[in-house]
């Protein structure tokens, strides 16, 4: 790993963001994820959405944080565990591999929600200092619930630039970025984004234009926020999925949107995996470099339709969706000589299976419209040596280093939370150690194949 250590020391060299780390598809999730857990957590992890928005956190007049009438934080203490003992672990699991989710946001606001009126009154009276109840309650929330990256502003009645700016500056100082979810009053949102980013550069990093309900006639192309990502949203009940996906494609093609989101996962009447895979396909699915591609998967027989390129590794249902391939849509495949694809009917490499070491122009039998996960591996050679990537790759953090096992021949990458790739190195043995001592303090994502681990320094 000498080359990796050299790369870490040369921090002035910044490599470009790779496609697989783009945050392009989001879903709002309601209280359903708590009421129907743990199945809902599994559904989200397997969906392939790259970010989720937890709807919602309500701010009371005294600064108490609630959701669905239950108290989250009060008097500077996290108390949600009294009614929701599994919540902290469930949120942690959302970004735990295997999953497509790499960003979690909490939502404040919504239709007939008076949180921002209460925030305005609290800030005008007490400010946003460390001793205020507003600061203390959000600090308690973020210290207890892991992995929250941003706060989503869905103000639909207050629209006060001054106090909203102070609030989002406070949230940035607590460690959260800001996303905006407007459907009307564009001048307010433009001023808010400008003021927050003037005080904390890059704090507002995405605008999510509501193109449904009160904003049904919105065209995201008309919502211009220079230098800020712009996503456009539909609802799962607005039209059929095909119509909404076609509309998102139009927004992408005319430059109106760089990503999409959907409102709201609150029941089991729709297929999250289908939505996420199609949205990823439009806005920036994961890609594999040509020199790492050993298997090609097609959505139609005789190598037609949508195609994804897979490297050696284990590819779950969530992984395939991030590549843009929904579950149960694989129809044919091509396999590079010396490799094989193991196809499974379940998301976790279980269920019925088939092995293919040659091209197959049409899958039949148990695999026809049934593939949910795939292992790609090198075929064992005459001397008994084979690539170990098909075995269970592991990543373990141990103080100032990460140990990687069973990953020979695979590509290791290290990214910062802003998506910047810091390291790209092919592993030469089955046991490698990555030293992290040269990295500045922060949070880093180490990825090998479909496996990843979050490291805090």
Protein backbone atom coordinates (compact mmCIF):
# COMPACT_ATOMS: atom_id res chain seq x y z
CA UNK A 1 0.00 0.00 0.00
CA UNK A 2 3.00 2.28 -0.41
CA UNK A 3 1.41 4.09 -3.35
CA UNK A 4 -1.71 4.78 -1.28
CA UNK A 5 0.36 6.32 1.49
CA UNK A 6 2.11 8.54 -1.04
CA UNK A 7 -1.27 9.62 -2.42
CA UNK A 8 -2.55 10.50 1.03
CA UNK A 9 0.50 12.64 1.64
CA UNK A 10 -0.03 14.50 -1.63
CA UNK A 11 -3.36 16.03 -0.59
CA UNK A 12 -2.99 18.87 -3.11
CA UNK A 13 -3.77 16.38 -5.88
CA UNK A 14 -7.55 16.17 -6.15
CA UNK A 15 -9.04 13.61 -8.50
CA UNK A 16 -12.41 14.15 -10.17
CA UNK A 17 -15.68 12.97 -8.68
CA UNK A 18 -16.65 9.56 -10.06
CA UNK A 19 -20.15 8.86 -11.27
CA UNK A 20 -20.90 6.19 -8.71
CA UNK A 21 -20.84 8.76 -5.90
CA UNK A 22 -23.35 11.21 -7.34
CA UNK A 23 -26.34 12.09 -5.17
CA UNK A 24 -29.04 11.98 -7.84
CA UNK A 25 -32.18 10.21 -6.55
CA UNK A 26 -34.05 11.00 -3.36
CA UNK A 27 -37.19 9.92 -1.54
CA UNK A 28 -39.12 11.54 1.29
CA UNK A 29 -40.06 8.99 3.95
CA UNK A 30 -42.83 9.43 6.49
CA UNK A 31 -43.69 7.86 9.81
CA UNK A 32 -44.40 4.62 7.96
CA UNK A 33 -40.73 3.68 8.36
CA UNK A 34 -41.19 3.61 12.13
CA UNK A 35 -44.64 2.04 12.18
CA UNK A 36 -43.73 -0.84 9.85
CA UNK A 37 -40.09 -1.38 10.78
CA UNK A 38 -37.87 -3.29 10.20
CA UNK A 39 -39.28 -4.18 6.77
CA UNK A 40 -39.35 -0.53 5.70
CA UNK A 41 -35.67 -0.07 6.56
CA UNK A 42 -34.80 -3.08 4.41
CA UNK A 43 -36.96 -1.75 1.56
CA UNK A 44 -35.16 1.59 1.63
CA UNK A 45 -31.70 0.03 1.77
CA UNK A 46 -32.50 -2.22 -1.19
CA UNK A 47 -34.21 0.51 -3.22
CA UNK A 48 -31.14 2.13 -4.78
CA UNK A 49 -32.15 5.68 -3.81
CA UNK A 50 -28.99 7.67 -3.12
CA UNK A 51 -30.50 9.93 -0.47
CA UNK A 52 -33.48 9.91 1.89
CA UNK A 53 -35.33 12.74 3.60
CA UNK A 54 -36.89 11.94 6.98
CA UNK A 55 -40.25 13.70 7.18
CA UNK A 56 -40.41 15.45 9.48
CA UNK A 57 -39.07 17.28 12.55
CA UNK A 58 -41.49 19.81 14.01
CA UNK A 59 -40.20 22.70 16.12
CA UNK A 60 -42.59 23.72 18.91
CA UNK A 61 -42.88 27.22 20.37
CA UNK A 62 -40.50 26.35 23.22
CA UNK A 63 -37.94 24.70 20.89
CA UNK A 64 -39.02 21.13 21.63
CA UNK A 65 -38.52 18.83 18.63
CA UNK A 66 -41.34 16.43 17.76
CA UNK A 67 -42.55 14.14 15.01
CA UNK A 68 -46.05 12.69 14.62
CA UNK A 69 -46.85 14.10 18.08
CA UNK A 70 -43.99 12.22 19.75
CA UNK A 71 -41.17 14.16 21.43
CA UNK A 72 -37.68 13.75 19.97
CA UNK A 73 -35.69 16.25 22.03
CA UNK A 74 -36.75 18.41 24.99
CA UNK A 75 -34.73 20.60 27.35
CA UNK A 76 -31.54 19.70 25.53
CA UNK A 77 -32.01 15.93 25.87
CA UNK A 78 -32.85 13.20 23.37
CA UNK A 79 -35.96 11.38 24.67
CA UNK A 80 -37.29 9.72 21.50
CA UNK A 81 -35.96 6.35 22.70
CA UNK A 82 -38.79 6.22 25.25
CA UNK A 83 -41.35 5.76 22.46
CA UNK A 84 -39.08 4.71 19.55
CA UNK A 85 -36.29 2.55 21.01
CA UNK A 86 -35.15 1.31 17.56
CA UNK A 87 -34.92 4.67 15.80
CA UNK A 88 -31.22 5.37 16.30
CA UNK A 89 -30.19 1.95 15.01
CA UNK A 90 -32.65 2.12 12.10
CA UNK A 91 -31.24 5.44 10.89
CA UNK A 92 -27.71 4.09 11.24
CA UNK A 93 -28.65 1.07 9.12
CA UNK A 94 -29.90 3.24 6.25
CA UNK A 95 -26.30 4.03 5.24
CA UNK A 96 -24.85 0.68 6.27
CA UNK A 97 -23.83 -1.61 3.41
CA UNK A 98 -25.43 -3.11 1.45
CA UNK A 99 -27.34 0.06 0.55
CA UNK A 100 -27.54 2.72 -2.14
CA UNK A 101 -28.09 5.50 0.43
CA UNK A 102 -25.15 7.78 1.11
CA UNK A 103 -26.95 10.87 2.46
CA UNK A 104 -29.69 11.39 5.07
CA UNK A 105 -31.60 14.63 5.62
CA UNK A 106 -34.13 15.71 8.22
CA UNK A 107 -37.08 17.76 6.98
CA UNK A 108 -38.48 20.78 8.78
CA UNK A 109 -41.73 22.26 7.53
CA UNK A 110 -44.48 21.16 5.18
CA UNK A 111 -48.07 22.13 4.46
CA UNK A 112 -49.74 23.84 7.47
CA UNK A 113 -46.57 23.31 9.51
CA UNK A 114 -45.73 26.28 11.75
CA UNK A 115 -42.14 25.28 12.62
CA UNK A 116 -40.56 28.29 10.90
CA UNK A 117 -42.92 30.71 12.65
CA UNK A 118 -41.76 29.18 15.93
CA UNK A 119 -38.11 29.28 14.82
CA UNK A 120 -38.55 32.95 13.91
CA UNK A 121 -39.95 33.80 17.36
CA UNK A 122 -37.28 31.81 19.18
CA UNK A 123 -34.42 33.41 17.26
CA UNK A 124 -35.81 36.95 17.58
CA UNK A 125 -36.12 36.41 21.34
CA UNK A 126 -33.03 34.33 22.17
CA UNK A 127 -30.74 34.16 19.13
CA UNK A 128 -28.95 30.96 18.13
CA UNK A 129 -26.23 30.71 20.77
CA UNK A 130 -25.07 27.48 22.37
CA UNK A 131 -27.23 28.03 25.46
CA UNK A 132 -30.48 28.50 23.56
CA UNK A 133 -33.03 25.70 23.60
CA UNK A 134 -33.13 25.63 19.80
CA UNK A 135 -29.39 24.97 19.60
CA UNK A 136 -29.34 22.51 22.51
CA UNK A 137 -32.17 20.36 21.16
CA UNK A 138 -30.73 20.06 17.67
CA UNK A 139 -27.30 19.38 19.15
CA UNK A 140 -28.80 16.56 21.24
CA UNK A 141 -30.51 15.13 18.16
CA UNK A 142 -27.36 15.14 16.05
CA UNK A 143 -25.18 13.72 18.80
CA UNK A 144 -27.58 10.81 19.31
CA UNK A 145 -28.80 9.93 15.83
CA UNK A 146 -25.90 8.98 13.52
CA UNK A 147 -25.37 9.83 9.90
CA UNK A 148 -27.60 12.90 9.38
CA UNK A 149 -25.99 15.08 6.72
CA UNK A 150 -28.39 17.93 6.00
CA UNK A 151 -31.58 19.75 6.95
CA UNK A 152 -34.28 20.19 4.31
CA UNK A 153 -36.23 23.47 4.49
CA UNK A 154 -39.88 23.03 3.47
CA UNK A 155 -41.18 26.35 4.77
CA UNK A 156 -44.64 26.94 3.34
CA UNK A 157 -45.94 29.83 5.43
CA UNK A 158 -43.36 31.95 7.30
CA UNK A 159 -40.84 33.04 4.62
CA UNK A 160 -38.62 35.22 6.83
CA UNK A 161 -35.17 35.51 5.25
CA UNK A 162 -33.43 36.99 8.30
CA UNK A 163 -34.27 34.31 10.88
CA UNK A 164 -34.16 31.46 8.36
CA UNK A 165 -30.61 32.51 7.44
CA UNK A 166 -29.57 32.55 11.10
CA UNK A 167 -31.16 29.13 11.62
CA UNK A 168 -29.35 27.50 8.70
CA UNK A 169 -26.04 29.10 9.67
CA UNK A 170 -26.56 27.56 13.12
CA UNK A 171 -27.32 24.18 11.56
CA UNK A 172 -24.21 24.40 9.37
CA UNK A 173 -22.11 25.09 12.44
CA UNK A 174 -23.67 21.98 14.01
CA UNK A 175 -22.49 19.99 10.98
CA UNK A 176 -25.46 20.02 8.58
CA UNK A 177 -25.72 21.24 5.00
CA UNK A 178 -29.02 22.79 3.82
CA UNK A 179 -31.34 21.84 1.01
CA UNK A 180 -34.36 23.91 -0.02
CA UNK A 181 -37.75 22.55 -1.12
CA UNK A 182 -39.70 25.43 -2.72
CA UNK A 183 -42.92 25.36 -4.68
CA UNK A 184 -43.68 29.11 -4.71
CA UNK A 185 -42.29 32.54 -3.67
CA UNK A 186 -39.07 32.18 -5.65
CA UNK A 187 -37.62 35.52 -4.52
CA UNK A 188 -37.57 34.33 -0.90
CA UNK A 189 -35.70 31.14 -1.73
CA UNK A 190 -33.18 32.95 -3.91
CA UNK A 191 -32.44 35.46 -1.14
CA UNK A 192 -32.20 32.70 1.48
CA UNK A 193 -29.73 30.63 -0.55
CA UNK A 194 -27.64 33.72 -1.31
CA UNK A 195 -27.53 34.92 2.31
CA UNK A 196 -26.73 31.53 3.83
CA UNK A 197 -23.97 30.78 1.31
CA UNK A 198 -22.57 34.27 1.78
CA UNK A 199 -22.04 33.52 5.47
CA UNK A 200 -21.18 29.83 5.12
CA UNK A 201 -19.85 29.01 1.68
CA UNK A 202 -21.49 25.93 0.18
CA UNK A 203 -23.94 25.47 3.07
CA UNK A 204 -26.91 25.34 0.68
CA UNK A 205 -25.94 22.66 -1.80
CA UNK A 206 -29.22 21.59 -3.40
CA UNK A 207 -32.58 23.08 -4.38
CA UNK A 208 -35.45 20.60 -4.71
CA UNK A 209 -38.26 22.13 -6.75
CA UNK A 210 -41.70 20.75 -5.91
CA UNK A 211 -43.47 19.99 -9.18
CA UNK A 212 -46.61 18.56 -7.60
CA UNK A 213 -49.66 19.70 -5.60
CA UNK A 214 -49.31 23.49 -5.15
CA UNK A 215 -46.29 23.47 -7.47
CA UNK A 216 -47.75 21.11 -10.08
CA UNK A 217 -47.14 23.60 -12.87
CA UNK A 218 -43.56 24.38 -11.92
CA UNK A 219 -40.83 23.98 -14.52
CA UNK A 220 -37.51 23.51 -12.70
CA UNK A 221 -35.75 25.24 -15.58
CA UNK A 222 -37.29 28.50 -14.33
CA UNK A 223 -35.84 28.11 -10.84
CA UNK A 224 -32.31 29.37 -11.28
CA UNK A 225 -29.86 29.11 -8.38
CA UNK A 226 -26.35 29.57 -9.85
CA UNK A 227 -23.80 27.11 -8.52
CA UNK A 228 -26.36 25.00 -6.65
CA UNK A 229 -27.59 21.56 -7.71
CA UNK A 230 -31.23 21.57 -8.81
CA UNK A 231 -33.47 18.53 -8.40
CA UNK A 232 -37.09 18.23 -9.45
CA UNK A 233 -39.76 16.21 -7.67
CA UNK A 234 -42.90 14.25 -8.40
CA UNK A 235 -45.23 12.28 -6.14
CA UNK A 236 -45.80 8.54 -6.36
CA UNK A 237 -49.56 9.17 -6.69
CA UNK A 238 -49.42 12.07 -9.17
CA UNK A 239 -49.38 9.90 -12.29
CA UNK A 240 -48.22 6.41 -13.14
CA UNK A 241 -44.48 5.86 -12.72
CA UNK A 242 -43.72 5.73 -16.45
CA UNK A 243 -45.23 9.20 -16.98
CA UNK A 244 -43.29 10.70 -14.08
CA UNK A 245 -40.04 9.10 -15.22
CA UNK A 246 -40.60 10.46 -18.75
CA UNK A 247 -41.14 13.93 -17.27
CA UNK A 248 -37.90 13.66 -15.30
CA UNK A 249 -36.09 12.69 -18.49
CA UNK A 250 -37.45 15.83 -20.15
CA UNK A 251 -36.28 17.98 -17.25
CA UNK A 252 -32.84 16.41 -17.48
CA UNK A 253 -32.65 16.86 -21.26
CA UNK A 254 -33.65 20.54 -21.21
CA UNK A 255 -31.20 21.37 -18.43
CA UNK A 256 -33.83 21.90 -15.76
CA UNK A 257 -32.66 19.23 -13.35
CA UNK A 258 -29.53 17.33 -12.39
CA UNK A 259 -31.40 14.95 -10.10
CA UNK A 260 -34.86 13.93 -8.97
CA UNK A 261 -36.86 13.05 -5.91
CA UNK A 262 -40.24 11.56 -5.11
CA UNK A 263 -42.79 12.25 -2.39
CA UNK A 264 -43.61 10.26 -0.23
CA UNK A 265 -42.77 6.70 0.95
CA UNK A 266 -45.58 6.15 3.44
CA UNK A 267 -47.09 2.82 2.37
CA UNK A 268 -46.25 -0.30 0.39
CA UNK A 269 -48.36 0.39 -2.71
CA UNK A 270 -45.45 1.35 -4.94
CA UNK A 271 -42.10 -0.12 -5.96
CA UNK A 272 -39.21 1.97 -4.60
CA UNK A 273 -36.61 -0.09 -6.45
CA UNK A 274 -38.23 0.59 -9.83
CA UNK A 275 -38.45 4.31 -9.13
CA UNK A 276 -34.88 4.60 -7.88
CA UNK A 277 -33.30 2.55 -10.68
CA UNK A 278 -35.06 4.58 -13.37
CA UNK A 279 -34.15 7.89 -11.72
CA UNK A 280 -30.52 6.81 -11.36
CA UNK A 281 -30.51 5.83 -15.03
CA UNK A 282 -31.65 9.34 -15.99
CA UNK A 283 -29.53 11.47 -13.74
CA UNK A 284 -26.26 9.59 -13.33
CA UNK A 285 -26.07 5.88 -12.69
CA UNK A 286 -22.94 4.23 -11.33
CA UNK A 287 -20.48 3.34 -14.09
CA UNK A 288 -17.58 0.93 -14.45
CA UNK A 289 -14.39 1.80 -16.38
CA UNK A 290 -13.91 -0.25 -19.53
CA UNK A 291 -10.74 -1.89 -18.25
CA UNK A 292 -12.58 -3.15 -15.13
CA UNK A 293 -15.69 -4.44 -16.94
CA UNK A 294 -15.95 -8.24 -17.08
CA UNK A 295 -19.73 -8.79 -17.26
CA UNK A 296 -22.38 -6.86 -19.18
CA UNK A 297 -26.02 -7.16 -18.15
CA UNK A 298 -28.91 -6.31 -20.49
CA UNK A 299 -32.59 -5.60 -19.82
CA UNK A 300 -33.73 -7.27 -23.07
CA UNK A 301 -32.90 -10.57 -24.72
CA UNK A 302 -30.25 -10.75 -27.44
CA UNK A 303 -28.24 -8.01 -25.72
CA UNK A 304 -30.81 -5.28 -26.19
CA UNK A 305 -32.25 -2.57 -24.00
CA UNK A 306 -30.44 -0.95 -21.11
CA UNK A 307 -26.94 -2.25 -20.38
CA UNK A 308 -24.79 -2.03 -17.27
CA UNK A 309 -21.11 -2.97 -16.93
CA UNK A 310 -20.05 -4.87 -13.83
CA UNK A 311 -16.57 -5.37 -12.36
CA UNK A 312 -15.43 -8.27 -10.21
CA UNK A 313 -17.34 -8.17 -6.93
CA UNK A 314 -20.65 -8.76 -5.19
CA UNK A 315 -23.54 -6.70 -6.52
CA UNK A 316 -26.67 -6.53 -4.39
CA UNK A 317 -30.17 -5.44 -5.37
CA UNK A 318 -29.29 -1.91 -4.21
CA UNK A 319 -26.07 -1.93 -6.24
CA UNK A 320 -27.87 -2.95 -9.43
CA UNK A 321 -30.38 -0.14 -8.90
CA UNK A 322 -27.59 2.41 -8.44
CA UNK A 323 -26.27 1.19 -11.79
CA UNK A 324 -29.77 1.86 -13.18
CA UNK A 325 -30.99 -1.74 -13.41
CA UNK A 326 -34.19 -2.55 -11.48
CA UNK A 327 -34.51 -5.95 -9.85
CA UNK A 328 -36.03 -8.76 -11.92
CA UNK A 329 -35.29 -7.15 -15.30
CA UNK A 330 -32.10 -8.93 -16.42
CA UNK A 331 -32.77 -10.71 -19.74
CA UNK A 332 -29.32 -11.47 -21.26
CA UNK A 333 -25.65 -11.09 -20.46
CA UNK A 334 -22.13 -11.15 -21.85
CA UNK A 335 -19.21 -12.59 -19.88
CA UNK A 336 -15.53 -11.91 -20.51
CA UNK A 337 -13.42 -15.00 -21.02
CA UNK A 338 -11.97 -16.29 -17.77
CA UNK A 339 -14.78 -14.90 -15.61
CA UNK A 340 -18.26 -15.96 -14.56
CA UNK A 341 -21.48 -14.45 -13.31
CA UNK A 342 -23.46 -16.08 -10.51
CA UNK A 343 -27.10 -14.95 -10.66
CA UNK A 344 -29.44 -15.10 -7.66
CA UNK A 345 -33.17 -14.57 -7.23
CA UNK A 346 -32.83 -12.95 -3.79
CA UNK A 347 -31.21 -9.57 -2.95
CA UNK A 348 -28.48 -11.09 -0.74
CA UNK A 349 -26.97 -13.85 -2.95
CA UNK A 350 -29.46 -16.49 -1.85
CA UNK A 351 -32.46 -18.20 -3.42
CA UNK A 352 -32.37 -19.92 -6.80
CA UNK A 353 -29.14 -19.44 -8.73
CA UNK A 354 -27.45 -19.93 -12.10
CA UNK A 355 -23.80 -19.81 -13.16
CA UNK A 356 -22.75 -18.37 -16.51
CA UNK A 357 -19.21 -18.44 -17.92
CA UNK A 358 -20.26 -17.61 -21.48
CA UNK A 359 -22.56 -15.12 -23.17
CA UNK A 360 -26.25 -15.87 -22.84
CA UNK A 361 -28.61 -14.14 -25.26
CA UNK A 362 -31.69 -15.04 -23.24
CA UNK A 363 -32.11 -16.13 -19.63
CA UNK A 364 -34.63 -18.91 -19.17
CA UNK A 365 -36.15 -20.93 -16.38
CA UNK A 366 -35.73 -19.73 -12.80
CA UNK A 367 -33.67 -16.66 -13.82
CA UNK A 368 -36.09 -15.24 -16.38
CA UNK A 369 -37.13 -11.82 -15.00
CA UNK A 370 -35.99 -12.88 -11.54
CA UNK A 371 -32.39 -11.72 -10.94
CA UNK A 372 -31.95 -9.64 -7.77
CA UNK A 373 -28.21 -9.96 -7.05
CA UNK A 374 -25.06 -11.00 -8.92
CA UNK A 375 -21.56 -12.17 -8.00
CA UNK A 376 -18.86 -11.60 -10.62
CA UNK A 377 -15.68 -13.61 -10.15
CA UNK A 378 -12.66 -14.99 -11.95
CA UNK A 379 -12.88 -18.63 -12.96
CA UNK A 380 -10.53 -20.98 -11.15
CA UNK A 381 -7.43 -21.69 -13.18
CA UNK A 382 -5.69 -25.03 -13.74
CA UNK A 383 -3.32 -24.48 -10.81
CA UNK A 384 -6.22 -23.87 -8.45
CA UNK A 385 -5.64 -20.12 -8.09
CA UNK A 386 -8.70 -17.91 -8.40
CA UNK A 387 -9.64 -14.35 -7.72
CA UNK A 388 -10.89 -14.03 -4.15
CA UNK A 389 -13.27 -11.13 -4.78
CA UNK A 390 -16.26 -13.49 -4.90
CA UNK A 391 -15.54 -14.38 -1.28
CA UNK A 392 -16.79 -12.08 1.43
CA UNK A 393 -14.76 -8.89 1.18
CA UNK A 394 -14.37 -7.19 4.55
CA UNK A 395 -13.33 -3.70 5.60
CA UNK A 396 -12.42 -3.05 9.22
CA UNK A 397 -11.44 0.19 10.91
CA UNK A 398 -8.77 -0.02 13.56
CA UNK A 399 -7.71 3.33 14.92
CA UNK A 400 -5.68 5.11 12.25
CA UNK A 401 -5.98 2.46 9.54
CA UNK A 402 -8.39 0.31 7.54
CA UNK A 403 -7.80 -3.37 6.86
CA UNK A 404 -9.21 -4.91 3.66
CA UNK A 405 -9.44 -8.69 3.15
CA UNK A 406 -10.52 -10.89 0.23
CA UNK A 407 -10.34 -8.09 -2.32
CA UNK A 408 -7.33 -8.88 -4.51
CA UNK A 409 -7.67 -7.31 -7.95
CA UNK A 410 -10.45 -4.94 -6.91
CA UNK A 411 -10.28 -1.16 -6.92
CA UNK A 412 -10.10 0.68 -3.59
CA UNK A 413 -11.23 4.30 -3.41
CA UNK A 414 -11.34 6.89 -0.64
CA UNK A 415 -13.73 9.86 -0.83
CA UNK A 416 -14.44 12.83 1.36
CA UNK A 417 -18.05 13.57 2.33
CA UNK A 418 -18.20 16.17 -0.46
CA UNK A 419 -17.65 13.37 -2.98
CA UNK A 420 -14.06 14.27 -3.90
CA UNK A 421 -12.03 11.17 -4.70
CA UNK A 422 -8.74 11.22 -2.77
CA UNK A 423 -7.40 7.72 -3.47
CA UNK A 424 -7.84 5.17 -6.27
CA UNK A 425 -5.68 2.04 -5.98
CA UNK A 426 -6.02 -1.55 -7.26
CA UNK A 427 -5.35 -4.07 -4.50
CA UNK A 428 -2.59 -6.57 -5.16
CA UNK A 429 -3.14 -9.03 -2.32
CA UNK A 430 -5.95 -10.48 -0.20
CA UNK A 431 -4.86 -8.61 2.92
CA UNK A 432 -4.11 -4.90 2.67
CA UNK A 433 -3.82 -2.15 5.27
CA UNK A 434 -4.65 1.46 4.44
CA UNK A 435 -2.97 4.03 6.75
CA UNK A 436 -5.10 7.11 7.42
CA UNK A 437 -2.73 9.08 9.59
CA UNK A 438 -1.89 11.58 6.83
CA UNK A 439 -5.51 12.60 6.30
CA UNK A 440 -6.87 15.76 7.97
CA UNK A 441 -9.63 15.41 10.54
CA UNK A 442 -12.97 14.62 8.92
CA UNK A 443 -15.19 11.81 7.67
CA UNK A 444 -14.10 9.59 4.78
CA UNK A 445 -15.75 6.82 2.77
CA UNK A 446 -13.55 3.84 1.88
CA UNK A 447 -15.03 1.63 -0.85
CA UNK A 448 -13.98 -1.68 -2.36
CA UNK A 449 -16.38 -3.15 -4.91
CA UNK A 450 -19.87 -3.07 -3.38
CA UNK A 451 -18.49 -2.72 0.15
CA UNK A 452 -17.88 0.58 1.91
CA UNK A 453 -17.09 1.88 5.37
CA UNK A 454 -17.35 5.35 6.89
CA UNK A 455 -14.28 6.49 8.85
CA UNK A 456 -14.13 9.48 11.22
CA UNK A 457 -10.74 11.01 12.02
